[in-house]
Protein backbone atom coordinates (compact mmCIF):
# COMPACT_ATOMS: atom_id res chain seq x y z
CA MET A 1 23.73 59.18 -13.54
CA SER A 2 23.59 58.14 -17.21
CA VAL A 3 26.43 56.03 -18.53
CA PRO A 4 27.12 54.67 -22.03
CA SER A 5 26.69 51.01 -22.93
CA SER A 6 28.64 48.58 -25.05
CA ASN A 7 27.73 46.03 -27.73
CA PRO A 8 27.34 42.61 -26.08
CA SER A 9 28.63 40.89 -29.20
CA ARG A 10 32.08 42.23 -28.30
CA PRO A 11 31.96 43.25 -24.63
CA THR A 12 34.98 45.24 -23.48
CA ARG A 13 34.50 44.46 -19.81
CA ARG A 14 37.78 42.83 -18.81
CA ALA A 15 40.66 45.25 -18.46
CA LEU A 16 44.14 43.84 -18.97
CA LEU A 17 45.13 42.66 -15.54
CA LYS A 18 48.01 43.83 -13.41
CA THR A 19 50.35 42.06 -11.05
CA GLY A 20 51.61 43.50 -7.80
CA LEU A 21 52.32 42.98 -4.14
CA GLY A 22 50.76 43.93 -0.82
CA LEU A 23 47.47 43.26 0.96
CA THR A 24 45.30 45.11 3.44
CA LEU A 25 42.34 43.83 5.40
CA ALA A 26 39.93 44.54 8.22
CA GLY A 27 37.34 42.23 9.67
CA ALA A 28 35.12 40.95 12.38
CA GLY A 29 37.54 39.50 14.87
CA LEU A 30 41.26 38.75 14.68
CA SER A 31 42.83 37.52 11.47
CA VAL A 32 44.59 34.18 11.62
CA ALA A 33 47.73 33.59 9.58
CA ALA A 34 47.45 30.79 7.04
CA PRO A 35 50.17 28.12 7.09
CA ALA A 36 52.83 28.19 4.41
CA VAL A 37 51.75 25.32 2.17
CA PRO A 38 51.90 24.59 -1.57
CA ALA A 39 49.09 26.29 -3.47
CA MET A 40 48.32 23.33 -5.71
CA ALA A 41 48.42 19.55 -5.37
CA ALA A 42 47.39 16.74 -7.71
CA GLY A 43 44.62 17.15 -10.28
CA GLN A 44 43.88 19.58 -13.06
CA SER A 45 46.15 22.61 -13.28
CA GLY A 46 44.55 24.96 -15.76
CA THR A 47 42.63 22.50 -17.93
CA PRO A 48 40.47 24.41 -20.48
CA LEU A 49 36.79 23.49 -20.22
CA CYS A 50 35.65 25.38 -23.32
CA ASP A 51 37.05 27.38 -26.27
CA GLN A 52 38.63 24.20 -27.67
CA PRO A 53 37.20 22.77 -30.92
CA GLY A 54 35.33 19.51 -30.30
CA ASP A 55 35.33 19.76 -26.49
CA SER A 56 32.39 18.77 -24.30
CA ALA A 57 31.12 22.36 -24.08
CA SER A 58 30.97 22.73 -27.86
CA GLN A 59 29.07 19.45 -28.09
CA GLN A 60 26.37 21.16 -25.99
CA GLY A 61 26.36 24.24 -28.23
CA LEU A 62 28.72 26.49 -26.22
CA GLY A 63 31.96 27.32 -27.96
CA SER A 64 33.36 30.00 -25.67
CA GLY A 65 32.23 31.57 -22.41
CA ASP A 66 33.37 32.60 -18.95
CA LEU A 67 32.59 32.13 -15.24
CA ALA A 68 31.05 28.59 -15.22
CA ILE A 69 29.84 29.11 -11.64
CA PRO A 70 29.36 25.61 -10.18
CA TYR A 71 26.46 24.50 -8.00
CA TYR A 72 25.00 21.25 -6.70
CA ARG A 73 21.71 20.12 -8.25
CA GLU A 74 20.41 18.41 -5.13
CA HIS A 75 17.25 17.06 -6.75
CA ASP A 76 19.23 14.49 -8.77
CA GLY A 77 22.82 14.73 -7.49
CA SER A 78 24.19 16.29 -10.66
CA TRP A 79 26.14 19.54 -11.12
CA GLY A 80 25.36 22.78 -12.91
CA TYR A 81 27.75 25.40 -14.32
CA VAL A 82 26.43 28.90 -15.01
CA PHE A 83 28.32 30.89 -17.64
CA GLY A 84 28.24 34.59 -18.36
CA ASP A 85 28.30 35.97 -21.91
CA ALA A 86 28.74 32.99 -24.25
CA TRP A 87 29.08 32.22 -27.97
CA THR A 88 28.53 29.16 -30.14
CA GLY A 89 32.06 29.35 -31.58
CA THR A 90 35.54 29.55 -30.11
CA GLN A 91 37.24 32.88 -29.50
CA GLN A 92 33.86 34.65 -29.14
CA SER A 93 32.86 33.74 -32.68
CA GLY A 94 29.63 32.42 -34.11
CA GLN A 95 26.24 33.21 -32.63
CA TYR A 96 26.03 35.18 -29.41
CA LEU A 97 24.11 32.99 -26.95
CA GLY A 98 23.58 35.62 -24.25
CA SER A 99 23.93 35.46 -20.46
CA PRO A 100 23.47 33.51 -18.29
CA VAL A 101 23.94 30.13 -19.99
CA MET A 102 24.03 26.75 -18.22
CA LEU A 103 25.80 23.46 -18.88
CA ASN A 104 25.38 20.42 -16.64
CA GLN A 105 27.43 17.41 -15.59
CA ALA A 106 26.16 14.04 -14.39
CA SER A 107 28.99 13.43 -11.91
CA PHE A 108 32.04 15.33 -10.64
CA ASP A 109 35.43 13.82 -9.82
CA ALA A 110 36.59 15.68 -6.71
CA SER A 111 40.02 14.05 -6.92
CA GLY A 112 40.78 16.00 -10.07
CA ALA A 113 41.94 12.87 -11.89
CA THR A 114 39.22 13.41 -14.51
CA PRO A 115 38.50 16.93 -15.74
CA ILE A 116 34.99 18.31 -15.79
CA SER A 117 33.02 17.19 -18.84
CA PHE A 118 29.62 18.67 -19.69
CA THR A 119 26.88 16.20 -20.54
CA TRP A 120 23.81 18.31 -21.27
CA ALA A 121 22.71 21.92 -21.58
CA MET A 122 19.90 24.14 -20.41
CA PRO A 123 17.34 25.56 -20.75
CA THR A 124 15.80 22.75 -22.80
CA GLY A 125 18.25 19.89 -22.43
CA GLY A 126 19.25 20.36 -26.07
CA GLN A 127 21.68 23.04 -27.22
CA ALA A 128 22.81 25.77 -24.85
CA GLY A 129 20.81 29.00 -24.76
CA GLN A 130 20.19 32.03 -22.59
CA LEU A 131 18.29 31.14 -19.42
CA PHE A 132 16.53 34.44 -18.72
CA ASP A 133 13.94 36.05 -21.00
CA TYR A 134 15.22 39.58 -21.58
CA GLY A 135 16.81 41.65 -24.34
CA HIS A 136 20.35 42.98 -24.58
CA ASN A 137 21.15 46.64 -25.27
CA THR A 138 17.59 47.65 -24.63
CA ASP A 139 15.22 48.76 -21.87
CA ASN A 140 13.42 45.76 -20.39
CA GLY A 141 11.35 47.95 -18.10
CA TYR A 142 14.07 48.94 -15.62
CA GLY A 143 16.42 51.06 -17.72
CA HIS A 144 18.92 50.30 -20.46
CA GLU A 145 20.61 46.93 -19.97
CA VAL A 146 23.67 45.56 -21.75
CA SER A 147 23.66 42.12 -20.12
CA ARG A 148 22.71 40.25 -16.94
CA ILE A 149 25.75 38.59 -15.41
CA PRO A 150 25.36 35.73 -12.89
CA ASN A 151 27.25 36.00 -9.61
CA ASP A 152 26.23 32.74 -7.93
CA CYS A 153 23.73 29.90 -8.07
CA ILE A 154 22.26 27.58 -5.44
CA GLU A 155 19.51 24.96 -5.28
CA PHE A 156 17.57 23.99 -2.18
CA GLY A 157 14.04 22.90 -1.41
CA GLY A 158 13.32 22.08 -5.05
CA ARG A 159 14.02 25.60 -6.31
CA THR A 160 17.12 26.93 -8.10
CA TYR A 161 18.29 30.52 -7.59
CA ILE A 162 20.67 32.72 -9.56
CA GLN A 163 21.74 36.11 -8.21
CA TYR A 164 22.76 38.42 -11.03
CA THR A 165 23.81 41.97 -11.84
CA SER A 166 22.25 43.91 -14.69
CA VAL A 167 25.07 45.81 -16.38
CA ALA A 168 24.51 49.32 -17.70
CA THR A 169 28.05 49.80 -19.03
CA TRP A 170 31.27 47.79 -19.10
CA GLU A 171 33.30 51.01 -19.01
CA PRO A 172 32.14 53.02 -15.97
CA PRO A 173 33.86 56.32 -15.12
CA ALA A 174 36.21 56.32 -12.14
CA GLY A 175 34.26 56.04 -8.89
CA TYR A 176 31.18 54.42 -10.46
CA ASP A 177 30.33 50.74 -10.68
CA GLY A 178 28.37 50.81 -13.94
CA SER A 179 25.48 48.65 -12.75
CA LEU A 180 21.77 49.13 -13.38
CA MET A 181 20.43 46.84 -10.63
CA SER A 182 20.82 43.42 -9.06
CA GLY A 183 18.21 40.72 -8.72
CA VAL A 184 17.45 37.10 -7.94
CA ALA A 185 15.88 34.81 -10.52
CA TYR A 186 14.44 31.40 -9.64
CA SER A 187 13.44 28.20 -11.40
CA ASP A 188 11.01 25.56 -10.18
CA ASP A 189 11.84 23.11 -12.97
CA HIS A 190 15.58 22.81 -12.31
CA GLY A 191 16.70 25.47 -14.77
CA VAL A 192 14.32 25.17 -17.71
CA THR A 193 12.18 28.26 -17.06
CA TRP A 194 13.07 31.27 -14.93
CA HIS A 195 11.20 34.02 -13.10
CA ASP A 196 12.39 37.17 -11.40
CA TYR A 197 11.44 38.17 -7.88
CA ASP A 198 9.65 41.50 -7.91
CA TYR A 199 12.21 43.14 -5.65
CA HIS A 200 15.46 44.41 -7.16
CA TRP A 201 18.42 46.13 -5.53
CA ALA A 202 19.08 49.48 -7.21
CA GLY A 203 22.44 49.98 -8.84
CA ASP A 204 24.54 52.86 -10.11
CA VAL A 205 22.23 54.09 -12.87
CA GLN A 206 19.18 53.77 -10.61
CA GLY A 207 20.85 56.02 -8.04
CA ALA A 208 22.64 53.57 -5.73
CA ASN A 209 26.24 53.63 -6.92
CA GLN A 210 28.49 51.28 -4.89
CA SER A 211 25.62 49.28 -3.39
CA LEU A 212 27.02 46.44 -1.31
CA TYR A 213 24.20 44.24 -2.64
CA GLY A 214 25.65 44.27 -6.16
CA MET A 215 27.37 40.85 -6.18
CA TRP A 216 26.39 37.93 -3.93
CA SER A 217 27.86 34.58 -2.99
CA PHE A 218 25.65 31.92 -1.43
CA ALA A 219 27.79 30.32 1.28
CA GLY A 220 25.07 27.71 1.77
CA ILE A 221 22.68 26.57 4.49
CA ASP A 222 24.66 26.07 7.69
CA PRO A 223 23.84 23.25 10.16
CA ASP A 224 22.25 26.00 12.28
CA GLY A 225 19.52 26.26 9.62
CA TRP A 226 20.35 29.74 8.26
CA LEU A 227 21.24 30.54 4.66
CA TYR A 228 24.39 32.69 4.80
CA ILE A 229 25.04 35.20 2.03
CA PHE A 230 28.06 37.40 1.44
CA SER A 231 27.75 40.42 -0.84
CA LYS A 232 29.87 43.24 -2.23
CA ARG A 233 29.90 46.08 -4.72
CA TRP A 234 29.53 45.24 -8.39
CA ASN A 235 32.95 44.97 -9.97
CA GLY A 236 32.58 42.45 -12.73
CA THR A 237 34.08 45.12 -14.94
CA HIS A 238 37.28 45.12 -12.85
CA ARG A 239 37.20 48.89 -13.40
CA ASN A 240 35.34 49.99 -10.28
CA THR A 241 38.01 52.15 -8.65
CA ALA A 242 35.83 52.59 -5.54
CA ASP A 243 35.31 48.88 -4.85
CA GLY A 244 37.92 48.71 -2.06
CA GLY A 245 37.39 44.99 -1.47
CA ALA A 246 34.47 45.67 0.88
CA ILE A 247 32.38 42.60 1.75
CA GLN A 248 29.33 42.32 4.02
CA LEU A 249 27.42 39.36 5.50
CA PHE A 250 23.76 38.65 6.12
CA ARG A 251 21.63 35.57 6.71
CA ILE A 252 18.03 34.56 6.14
CA GLN A 253 15.80 31.57 6.79
CA PRO A 254 15.51 29.45 3.63
CA ASN A 255 11.70 29.62 3.62
CA ASP A 256 11.77 33.42 3.83
CA PHE A 257 14.23 33.52 0.96
CA ARG A 258 12.02 31.22 -1.11
CA ASP A 259 9.02 33.46 -0.44
CA GLY A 260 10.98 36.55 -1.52
CA ASN A 261 10.68 37.94 2.00
CA PHE A 262 14.11 39.55 1.81
CA GLY A 263 13.25 42.00 4.56
CA ALA A 264 13.49 39.10 7.01
CA GLN A 265 17.27 38.97 6.72
CA GLN A 266 19.47 39.35 9.77
CA ASN A 267 22.60 41.46 9.42
CA TRP A 268 26.09 40.93 10.82
CA ALA A 269 26.79 44.40 12.21
CA TYR A 270 29.19 46.13 14.55
CA LEU A 271 27.11 47.86 17.25
CA ASP A 272 28.02 49.28 20.65
CA GLY A 273 31.57 48.03 20.47
CA SER A 274 30.89 44.44 19.40
CA TRP A 275 29.47 42.31 16.57
CA HIS A 276 25.82 41.20 16.60
CA TRP A 277 23.20 39.57 14.43
CA THR A 278 20.53 42.23 14.18
CA THR A 279 17.62 43.63 12.21
CA ALA A 280 18.12 47.08 13.73
CA ALA A 281 21.07 48.07 11.54
CA PRO A 282 22.40 47.31 8.06
CA PRO A 283 25.32 44.90 7.67
CA SER A 284 28.76 46.25 8.52
CA VAL A 285 31.74 45.79 6.25
CA ILE A 286 33.63 42.73 7.51
CA LEU A 287 36.56 42.70 5.07
CA THR A 288 38.37 45.30 2.99
CA GLY A 289 41.47 45.26 0.85
CA HIS A 290 42.41 45.79 -2.75
CA ASN A 291 39.76 46.25 -5.41
CA THR A 292 38.20 42.84 -6.00
CA GLY A 293 36.16 41.32 -8.78
CA GLU A 294 34.38 37.99 -8.70
CA PHE A 295 34.25 36.18 -5.37
CA SER A 296 32.98 32.90 -3.96
CA VAL A 297 32.28 31.56 -0.45
CA LYS A 298 31.39 27.93 0.21
CA ARG A 299 31.27 25.59 3.22
CA ILE A 300 33.63 22.74 2.38
CA GLY A 301 33.91 19.91 4.91
CA GLY A 302 32.90 22.15 7.81
CA THR A 303 35.26 24.99 6.87
CA TYR A 304 34.11 28.20 5.22
CA CYS A 305 36.36 28.91 2.24
CA MET A 306 36.56 32.19 0.33
CA SER A 307 38.12 32.77 -3.06
CA TYR A 308 38.25 36.06 -4.92
CA PHE A 309 39.98 37.88 -7.73
CA ASP A 310 42.27 40.63 -6.46
CA VAL A 311 42.18 43.13 -9.33
CA ASP A 312 45.18 45.13 -8.10
CA MET A 313 47.41 42.09 -7.68
CA GLY A 314 46.14 40.15 -10.67
CA ALA A 315 45.69 37.07 -8.50
CA ILE A 316 43.10 34.61 -7.21
CA CYS A 317 43.35 34.67 -3.41
CA THR A 318 41.85 32.38 -0.77
CA ARG A 319 41.11 32.55 2.95
CA THR A 320 39.17 30.50 5.49
CA ALA A 321 37.02 30.81 8.62
CA PRO A 322 35.41 28.27 10.97
CA ARG A 323 32.08 30.06 10.62
CA PRO A 324 30.72 32.83 8.39
CA ASP A 325 30.66 35.27 11.33
CA ALA A 326 34.13 34.36 12.64
CA GLY A 327 37.50 35.92 11.86
CA TRP A 328 38.98 35.12 8.45
CA SER A 329 42.55 34.04 7.74
CA ILE A 330 44.84 36.41 5.88
CA PRO A 331 44.45 36.27 2.09
CA ILE A 332 46.96 34.12 0.23
CA PRO A 333 47.52 34.44 -3.54
CA ARG A 334 47.05 30.98 -5.09
CA ILE A 335 46.91 31.56 -8.86
CA THR A 336 48.46 34.67 -10.36
CA ALA A 337 48.69 36.44 -13.69
CA LEU A 338 52.34 35.43 -13.77
CA THR A 339 51.26 31.84 -14.47
CA VAL A 340 47.81 32.45 -16.01
CA PRO A 341 47.79 35.79 -17.87
CA ASN A 342 44.52 37.73 -17.91
CA LEU A 343 42.79 35.57 -15.31
CA TYR A 344 39.72 36.40 -13.19
CA GLY A 345 36.87 34.66 -11.41
CA GLY A 346 38.01 31.81 -9.17
CA TYR A 347 34.70 30.19 -8.15
CA ILE A 348 34.87 27.42 -5.54
CA HIS A 349 33.35 24.13 -6.62
CA PRO A 350 30.96 23.04 -3.82
CA GLY A 351 31.97 19.44 -4.52
CA SER A 352 35.63 20.14 -3.71
CA ALA A 353 37.47 17.34 -1.93
CA SER A 354 38.33 19.44 1.14
CA ALA A 355 39.34 22.91 2.27
CA ASN A 356 42.91 21.81 1.58
CA SER A 357 42.05 20.61 -1.92
CA LEU A 358 39.65 23.01 -3.58
CA THR A 359 38.57 22.95 -7.19
CA LEU A 360 38.45 26.48 -8.63
CA MET A 361 36.82 27.64 -11.86
CA VAL A 362 39.11 30.34 -13.27
CA SER A 363 38.26 32.50 -16.30
CA GLN A 364 40.73 33.84 -18.83
CA TRP A 365 40.25 36.52 -21.49
CA ASN A 366 42.80 38.59 -23.33
CA GLY A 367 40.82 41.82 -23.12
CA THR A 368 40.34 42.35 -26.85
CA GLY A 369 37.47 40.08 -27.83
CA GLY A 370 39.46 37.13 -29.16
CA SER A 371 41.27 34.07 -27.85
CA PRO A 372 41.38 32.87 -25.18
CA TYR A 373 37.88 33.33 -23.80
CA ARG A 374 37.41 30.34 -21.57
CA VAL A 375 37.18 28.68 -18.16
CA LEU A 376 40.06 26.73 -16.64
CA GLN A 377 39.86 24.00 -13.97
CA PHE A 378 42.34 24.01 -11.10
CA ASP A 379 42.33 21.30 -8.43
CA GLY A 380 44.23 20.81 -5.19
CA ILE A 381 44.08 24.46 -4.18
CA ASN A 382 44.73 24.91 -0.46
CA ALA A 383 42.39 27.51 0.97
């Protein structure tokens, strides 16, 4: 299917968000009700991390941007934040930097007493710039691409990985996700230079509309030695009417992942009346619900925590599980469009104090290409 594309200098990807009530879910095992507790405790409560003149992001060359997906840079104990489409000026003004873009931080205050402050930028350590070498609104050898949007980032074994979606259009027709493909890029110099694995997961325009490999979240390497990965349909547009909140789970040995041996993954699948890890069947859908956008799963203090943007509700929701392949608690809205208009994202900071005190990176955009276009820090979120 051919779909039109948009100008990345003024992407129209974020629809004005709705509020609402009601949740549905299905999963592997019984759902466990979450206790009635306050959503937020001490710390930052919507502190802007960019789009403010003179802030730490602008000092690194990034005026406005979204996502700021956090990850631990294990080689030196610092923290990285991967943005999507970014500009040198506030309110999406100035030079378009591209996507993805990375800012870094020497140390993170998990208590929330001190907000995140960026101390250097990638890819060169000077001013912020696009990490990947590709063109926007052109064919880079795979089909017409508008932008490549990061979904998650992780570092282990001396290599950094970003899973991304190549966007074909920000305005897909109903029932289509608007993606070109998804891929994994890696860096062996901690984010300076990047390479793509040869294998890509086909998207909408390449004939695989609604692929459940569109958006990934790296839950991390469990004490059992496996790297656990959750994935879902691409819905960074928030306009994919067929998304349905479907999420799947697979795992892979870290060395196989490093080697690009993605066929070695094991899938969490429902077979013969029960759930199994298997290579004989594709992953089964473990969760469904409202249409969802960005999502994040991280192991925090021994608890697996999930955060995601519920498009239908206009809310960032959280839930927990003792293991990736266990039953998940019911989703609880934690930050809503009633308090933060036009929000999305909700990425879990892997340095969060505990499962009862998460730091979330929440994006905000007014849907028209102006102000605000930024990332907000929330601390003390109870998953």
